Each structure stands twice: as structure tokens, then as C-alpha cells.
Amino acid sequence: MTGTYEVIVIGGGAAGLSAALVLGRARRRTLVIDAGEPRNAPAAHMQGYLSRDGMPPAEFLAVGREEIARYGVELVRDRAVDVTRGDDFAVALASGRHMHARRLVIATGLKDELPEVPGVAERFGKDVLHCPYCHGWEVRDRAFGVLATTPMSVHQALMVSQWSKDVTFFLHEVAESDLSDDDLRRLAAAGVKVVPGAVAELVIVDDRLTGVRLADGTVHGREVLFVAPRAVPQTGLLEKLGAELTESPFGSYPVVDPTGLTSVPGVWAVGNAMGFSEQVVNAAAGGYRAGAFINGELLMSDLDTVVNG
């Protein structure tokens, strides 16, 4: 089975669907390939998206899929496993199908690798959280914990103090000597309690977090724990195409221009495929921007072909 499109969008999250919506409305034959693994699947609601604040992520994506279908955009539930570049882009799917397109949008996002502390993965998206802007209001004024995995976790502890004045910073994998004098002064000024020692597990009672147990057996009562997952950008397809990547504290991401165009002509990266901090609203905006630019670029390319014979 083969198919030929003007644009293939790999990834059916906010960024990919937004790009597809713009392209569909521009009457471009567009395909979305969606493996169905959105980063925010563990969350019950998404926040901070004007007019969609509090909407469940699954509902948001379902509405997006309905919207792109109105404009003839096709969506296939499959995984892109390989991509090659010749006269066009050839995309191989896990099902064995091969699709072709003139342009590609990579919206494969990233995966969160959680600290290997018993209870963290099970409670992630419930009372184990990572982003105060995403969830801080919903858990405001509760007893917070912050699990340190790098010295950068200090920043997270300081940030969450905006939403609660009862914050305990568990150093876990960070030595107290790794904290600078400025770190310690700021933590003290924010009223954050610093607790050394490794965390052994979370204490869960009646399906809710009630405490954090240290390796020495001490239990600190907490209702919410903030963690900093290790971000793993899903850049495999971009690497296959030879896209230039750049290192950041949160992984390697493609070098892109303001529209999302990578160093590979004809290939755009949007959403968390191009940066760690793209929230849903930012990802949707980036997809829109890329979709509009791709349509214009295709139009001018076709007109130049006519003009030049």
C-alpha cells in the first residue's frame, strides 16, 4: 500500500494537528501519522490554553481530529519507522505501508523518563507533577515536596513556592555541597525546607500521596511531589534525514528557523520535537505557523516551476 501527499505530518498531538488543520484549509493533500502516544496522556486536564483551560487532553485531541477531517486531511494510526529523502520524502510505517510527500512536518514530541523512585511513575499526573504552570493552581496551598535529581532542581523548588508556602526540597541525588550560596539564600528566603538524604519511596494511602520516605526510614508528610523528568526528544527520524541538532540542558533538539524549518530543506519540526518548553498552546501556535509557511512555500515553488517552464 502506498500513498502520495503534498505534506505528511508525523505526530498527532497539538502541534501536528494544528499544522494539518492549516494545510487542510489551504486545500493541501495532507496525511497525519499518529502513533497515539501523547506526552500529556497521564494528565486529567490541561491548563493555560485560553478557551480550553481545564479540558482533558484526550478530548482536546479528539476535537482536533474531527476538525482536520472536515477539510479532507487523512489520519492513520501507525508509527513512522523510517524516512528517506530522494525526489520526495518516503516514509515507512510499522504496518509495512509506504507513504510519499513533498514536505514533512515532524511533530514526534518527547518522552519523559521519570526518576526511579517507587511510587513516582504510578502517581505521575495525579499528585506527582512536573510543571507548576500546568498544575500549580489545582494543588495550591498543599504540602509540596520537590525531588532533586540535579542542581537545576533548585529552580523548580523556588518556582513552586509561588503556589505553596509549605515546600520541602528533598536533595535525593544532589549533595548539599552542590548548592551554591545563592541557591541556599534563595531557598531560605522562599521558606523552602532543605532535607538531605536519598528518597526510598513514596507513601501512598487510599490512592493518594501522603508522604515521602527517606532511605533512613524517616517519613515526611507531603501531599504533592514535584519531579523533573529527564526529557528524551524523539529525534530519530530527523537524525535519519541528517538534520543538524543542538545540545541543551534538556536534550538535543533540531536547529530550526522561526517557522520551524530544520537544516533539511522541506522538513519542519514543531512542538516538543523542536524544544523542551513547548506547552500545548505554544505547540499549537508553532504548528499553525509551520503549516502556513509550508503552504506558501509550496505555492511559490509551483509557480516558479510554471514560470521557468
Protein backbone atom coordinates (compact mmCIF):
# COMPACT_ATOMS: atom_id res chain seq x y z
CA MET A 1 0.00 0.00 0.00
CA THR A 2 1.37 3.38 -0.99
CA GLY A 3 0.09 6.93 -0.85
CA THR A 4 1.32 10.25 -2.18
CA TYR A 5 0.63 13.53 -0.43
CA GLU A 6 1.76 17.09 -0.57
CA VAL A 7 2.55 17.11 3.15
CA ILE A 8 2.93 14.34 5.70
CA VAL A 9 2.71 15.27 9.36
CA ILE A 10 4.34 12.74 11.68
CA GLY A 11 2.76 13.10 15.11
CA GLY A 12 -0.86 13.78 16.01
CA GLY A 13 -0.56 15.99 19.07
CA ALA A 14 -1.41 19.68 19.33
CA ALA A 15 1.44 20.78 17.05
CA GLY A 16 0.86 18.19 14.36
CA LEU A 17 -2.92 18.61 14.28
CA SER A 18 -2.61 22.38 14.17
CA ALA A 19 -0.26 22.21 11.18
CA ALA A 20 -2.61 19.74 9.48
CA LEU A 21 -5.61 21.98 10.11
CA VAL A 22 -3.95 24.94 8.38
CA LEU A 23 -2.78 22.77 5.48
CA GLY A 24 -6.20 21.16 5.06
CA ARG A 25 -7.89 24.54 4.97
CA ALA A 26 -5.32 25.55 2.34
CA ARG A 27 -6.53 22.61 0.23
CA ARG A 28 -3.28 20.70 0.54
CA ARG A 29 -3.49 16.90 0.39
CA THR A 30 -2.23 16.12 3.88
CA LEU A 31 -1.70 12.97 5.92
CA VAL A 32 -1.21 12.76 9.70
CA ILE A 33 0.58 9.67 11.01
CA ASP A 34 -0.22 9.25 14.69
CA ALA A 35 1.21 6.56 16.97
CA GLY A 36 -1.23 7.63 19.71
CA GLU A 37 1.30 8.34 22.48
CA PRO A 38 0.80 11.96 23.56
CA ARG A 39 3.18 13.27 26.20
CA ASN A 40 0.37 14.66 28.36
CA ALA A 41 -1.67 11.44 28.42
CA PRO A 42 -1.18 10.96 32.21
CA ALA A 43 -2.77 14.35 32.96
CA ALA A 44 -6.51 14.56 33.64
CA HIS A 45 -6.71 18.14 32.42
CA MET A 46 -4.63 20.71 30.59
CA GLN A 47 -4.38 24.28 31.78
CA GLY A 48 -3.26 27.65 30.46
CA TYR A 49 -4.78 27.29 26.98
CA LEU A 50 -7.15 30.24 26.57
CA SER A 51 -10.74 28.98 26.00
CA ARG A 52 -9.62 25.37 26.63
CA ASP A 53 -8.42 25.71 30.23
CA GLY A 54 -9.25 22.54 32.17
CA MET A 55 -10.07 20.48 29.08
CA PRO A 56 -8.98 16.81 29.22
CA PRO A 57 -6.09 16.21 26.78
CA ALA A 58 -7.85 13.23 25.18
CA GLU A 59 -10.92 15.36 24.47
CA PHE A 60 -8.76 18.13 23.02
CA LEU A 61 -7.12 15.72 20.59
CA ALA A 62 -10.44 14.12 19.67
CA VAL A 63 -11.87 17.52 18.74
CA GLY A 64 -8.71 18.29 16.75
CA ARG A 65 -9.02 15.06 14.78
CA GLU A 66 -12.65 15.87 13.97
CA GLU A 67 -11.68 19.34 12.80
CA ILE A 68 -8.93 18.23 10.39
CA ALA A 69 -11.25 15.59 8.91
CA ARG A 70 -13.66 18.35 7.82
CA TYR A 71 -11.01 19.62 5.43
CA GLY A 72 -10.09 16.27 3.93
CA VAL A 73 -6.96 15.66 5.99
CA GLU A 74 -6.35 11.93 6.38
CA LEU A 75 -5.17 10.37 9.62
CA VAL A 76 -3.67 6.92 10.03
CA ARG A 77 -3.00 5.19 13.34
CA ASP A 78 0.51 3.91 12.77
CA ARG A 79 4.14 4.59 13.56
CA ALA A 80 6.68 6.07 11.18
CA VAL A 81 9.77 3.88 11.48
CA ASP A 82 11.95 5.21 8.68
CA VAL A 83 12.21 8.14 6.31
CA THR A 84 14.39 8.73 3.28
CA ARG A 85 14.88 11.71 1.02
CA GLY A 86 15.03 11.48 -2.78
CA ASP A 87 12.87 13.28 -5.30
CA ASP A 88 10.38 13.36 -2.44
CA PHE A 89 10.23 12.06 1.12
CA ALA A 90 9.44 8.37 1.57
CA VAL A 91 8.00 7.41 4.96
CA ALA A 92 7.92 3.75 6.01
CA LEU A 93 5.28 2.73 8.56
CA ALA A 94 5.37 -0.05 11.12
CA SER A 95 2.45 -1.71 9.31
CA GLY A 96 4.53 -2.10 6.18
CA ARG A 97 2.94 0.72 4.23
CA HIS A 98 4.97 3.39 2.48
CA MET A 99 3.86 6.99 2.05
CA HIS A 100 5.39 9.78 0.00
CA ALA A 101 5.22 13.56 0.35
CA ARG A 102 6.79 16.74 -0.97
CA ARG A 103 7.18 18.19 2.53
CA LEU A 104 7.40 16.77 6.05
CA VAL A 105 6.34 18.07 9.45
CA ILE A 106 7.99 16.25 12.35
CA ALA A 107 5.83 16.52 15.46
CA THR A 108 7.05 13.43 17.32
CA GLY A 109 7.46 15.22 20.65
CA LEU A 110 9.49 13.87 23.53
CA LYS A 111 9.23 11.26 26.24
CA ASP A 112 9.59 11.85 29.97
CA GLU A 113 11.91 9.47 31.84
CA LEU A 114 10.90 9.62 35.49
CA PRO A 115 13.19 9.18 38.50
CA GLU A 116 13.31 5.52 39.54
CA VAL A 117 11.70 6.03 42.93
CA PRO A 118 8.89 3.58 43.80
CA GLY A 119 5.55 5.34 43.50
CA VAL A 120 6.65 8.15 41.18
CA ALA A 121 5.58 6.57 37.90
CA GLU A 122 2.30 5.29 39.37
CA ARG A 123 1.30 8.74 40.65
CA PHE A 124 2.63 10.82 37.75
CA GLY A 125 -0.06 13.19 36.50
CA LYS A 126 -2.05 12.79 39.73
CA ASP A 127 -0.18 14.05 42.79
CA VAL A 128 3.31 13.63 41.30
CA LEU A 129 3.71 16.57 38.94
CA HIS A 130 6.40 18.36 36.97
CA CYS A 131 5.10 21.78 35.89
CA PRO A 132 3.66 24.38 38.29
CA TYR A 133 2.20 26.35 35.38
CA CYS A 134 0.34 23.23 34.26
CA HIS A 135 -0.87 22.04 37.67
CA GLY A 136 0.11 24.53 40.38
CA TRP A 137 -3.30 26.18 40.74
CA GLU A 138 -5.06 22.85 41.19
CA VAL A 139 -2.80 21.83 44.11
CA ARG A 140 -2.22 25.30 45.60
CA ASP A 141 -1.54 25.63 49.33
CA ARG A 142 -0.98 21.91 49.85
CA ALA A 143 2.15 20.38 51.37
CA PHE A 144 4.64 20.22 48.49
CA GLY A 145 7.75 18.15 48.07
CA VAL A 146 10.35 18.61 45.34
CA LEU A 147 12.61 15.71 44.37
CA ALA A 148 16.09 16.88 43.42
CA THR A 149 17.81 14.95 40.64
CA THR A 150 20.23 17.68 39.51
CA PRO A 151 21.37 21.03 40.95
CA MET A 152 18.89 22.60 38.49
CA SER A 153 16.11 21.20 40.67
CA VAL A 154 16.67 24.22 42.90
CA HIS A 155 14.91 26.30 40.27
CA GLN A 156 11.88 24.01 40.42
CA ALA A 157 11.74 24.24 44.22
CA LEU A 158 11.86 28.03 44.07
CA MET A 159 9.19 28.19 41.37
CA VAL A 160 6.66 26.00 43.15
CA SER A 161 6.95 28.16 46.27
CA GLN A 162 4.74 30.61 44.36
CA TRP A 163 1.85 28.13 44.79
CA SER A 164 2.50 26.93 48.36
CA LYS A 165 4.35 28.21 51.37
CA ASP A 166 4.88 24.66 52.65
CA VAL A 167 7.65 23.29 50.40
CA THR A 168 10.23 20.65 51.29
CA PHE A 169 13.20 20.16 48.99
CA PHE A 170 14.45 16.55 49.10
CA LEU A 171 18.05 16.58 47.92
CA HIS A 172 17.90 12.86 46.94
CA GLU A 173 20.62 12.63 44.25
CA VAL A 174 22.11 16.06 44.97
CA ALA A 175 24.72 16.77 47.64
CA GLU A 176 24.21 19.83 49.79
CA SER A 177 27.69 20.93 48.72
CA ASP A 178 26.41 21.10 45.12
CA LEU A 179 24.16 24.01 46.07
CA SER A 180 25.63 27.47 45.69
CA ASP A 181 25.43 30.15 48.36
CA ASP A 182 22.87 31.95 46.18
CA ASP A 183 20.81 28.75 45.98
CA LEU A 184 20.77 28.40 49.75
CA ARG A 185 19.94 32.07 50.31
CA ARG A 186 17.06 31.95 47.83
CA LEU A 187 15.67 28.71 49.23
CA ALA A 188 15.75 30.22 52.71
CA ALA A 189 14.12 33.43 51.51
CA ALA A 190 11.35 31.40 49.86
CA GLY A 191 10.80 29.42 53.05
CA VAL A 192 11.78 26.13 51.42
CA LYS A 193 12.95 23.44 53.85
CA VAL A 194 16.00 21.50 52.61
CA VAL A 195 16.19 17.80 53.55
CA PRO A 196 19.35 15.82 52.70
CA GLY A 197 19.39 12.10 52.03
CA ALA A 198 18.10 9.75 49.37
CA VAL A 199 14.37 9.16 48.91
CA ALA A 200 13.45 5.46 49.14
CA GLU A 201 9.78 5.55 48.14
CA LEU A 202 6.52 7.45 48.19
CA VAL A 203 3.91 6.64 50.79
CA ILE A 204 0.52 6.05 49.18
CA VAL A 205 -2.64 5.63 51.29
CA ASP A 206 -6.15 5.26 49.86
CA ASP A 207 -4.94 6.12 46.37
CA ARG A 208 -3.28 9.39 47.34
CA LEU A 209 0.19 10.57 48.24
CA THR A 210 0.60 11.07 51.98
CA GLY A 211 4.34 11.17 52.43
CA VAL A 212 7.92 10.71 51.26
CA ARG A 213 10.04 8.03 52.95
CA LEU A 214 13.81 8.51 53.04
CA ALA A 215 16.35 5.70 52.90
CA ASP A 216 16.87 6.02 56.67
CA GLY A 217 13.17 5.29 57.22
CA THR A 218 12.13 8.84 58.09
CA VAL A 219 8.76 9.83 56.63
CA HIS A 220 7.90 13.40 55.74
CA GLY A 221 4.21 14.05 55.26
CA ARG A 222 3.58 15.51 51.79
CA GLU A 223 0.51 15.79 49.58
CA VAL A 224 2.15 16.69 46.28
CA LEU A 225 5.58 15.88 44.86
CA PHE A 226 7.17 17.80 42.01
CA VAL A 227 9.77 15.98 39.94
CA ALA A 228 11.87 16.87 36.91
CA PRO A 229 11.67 14.05 34.36
CA ARG A 230 14.59 13.54 32.02
CA ALA A 231 13.45 14.75 28.62
CA VAL A 232 14.16 12.38 25.74
CA PRO A 233 13.48 14.14 22.42
CA GLN A 234 12.14 11.81 19.74
CA THR A 235 14.58 12.91 17.06
CA GLY A 236 15.26 9.55 15.39
CA LEU A 237 13.60 10.47 12.09
CA LEU A 238 15.31 13.84 12.00
CA GLU A 239 18.66 12.16 12.54
CA LYS A 240 17.96 9.75 9.68
CA LEU A 241 17.48 12.78 7.44
CA GLY A 242 20.72 14.36 8.64
CA ALA A 243 19.15 17.31 10.45
CA GLU A 244 21.52 19.45 12.47
CA LEU A 245 20.92 19.14 16.22
CA THR A 246 21.99 21.37 19.06
CA GLU A 247 22.56 20.41 22.70
CA SER A 248 20.53 21.94 25.51
CA PRO A 249 20.21 21.14 29.23
CA PHE A 250 17.09 19.18 28.25
CA GLY A 251 18.45 17.10 25.39
CA SER A 252 19.36 17.52 21.72
CA TYR A 253 16.90 19.37 19.50
CA PRO A 254 16.97 20.32 15.83
CA VAL A 255 18.23 23.69 14.75
CA VAL A 256 15.20 25.50 13.32
CA ASP A 257 14.32 28.90 11.91
CA PRO A 258 11.36 30.93 13.26
CA THR A 259 8.90 28.87 11.15
CA GLY A 260 10.23 25.53 12.39
CA LEU A 261 12.22 24.76 9.22
CA THR A 262 15.14 22.46 10.03
CA SER A 263 18.52 22.33 8.30
CA VAL A 264 16.99 19.77 5.90
CA PRO A 265 15.12 21.53 3.09
CA GLY A 266 11.45 20.60 3.12
CA VAL A 267 11.41 19.36 6.74
CA TRP A 268 9.85 21.27 9.63
CA ALA A 269 9.92 20.38 13.34
CA VAL A 270 7.19 21.63 15.67
CA GLY A 271 6.07 21.24 19.27
CA ASN A 272 8.27 19.29 21.66
CA ALA A 273 10.09 17.83 18.64
CA MET A 274 11.86 21.20 18.40
CA GLY A 275 12.07 22.29 22.03
CA PHE A 276 11.54 21.20 25.62
CA SER A 277 9.34 24.03 26.85
CA GLU A 278 6.61 23.96 24.19
CA GLN A 279 3.36 23.80 26.18
CA VAL A 280 0.16 22.78 24.36
CA VAL A 281 -0.73 26.35 23.43
CA ASN A 282 2.81 27.03 22.17
CA ALA A 283 2.89 23.76 20.25
CA ALA A 284 -0.41 24.56 18.53
CA ALA A 285 0.87 28.01 17.58
CA GLY A 286 4.10 26.55 16.20
CA GLY A 287 2.14 24.03 14.14
CA TYR A 288 -0.06 26.79 12.74
CA ARG A 289 2.98 28.87 11.80
CA ALA A 290 4.70 25.96 10.07
CA GLY A 291 1.56 24.95 8.20
CA ALA A 292 1.01 28.45 6.84
CA PHE A 293 4.63 28.80 5.77
CA ILE A 294 4.67 25.38 4.09
CA ASN A 295 1.58 26.23 2.06
CA GLY A 296 3.14 29.48 0.87
CA GLU A 297 6.44 27.78 0.09
CA LEU A 298 4.69 25.08 -1.97
CA LEU A 299 2.67 27.70 -3.83
CA MET A 300 5.73 29.75 -4.78
CA SER A 301 7.67 26.63 -5.75
CA ASP A 302 4.88 25.53 -8.09
CA LEU A 303 4.54 29.00 -9.63
CA ASP A 304 8.28 29.20 -10.22
CA THR A 305 8.12 25.84 -11.98
CA VAL A 306 5.45 27.18 -14.32
CA VAL A 307 7.33 30.42 -14.93
CA ASN A 308 10.59 28.64 -15.62
CA GLY A 309 8.96 26.03 -17.80
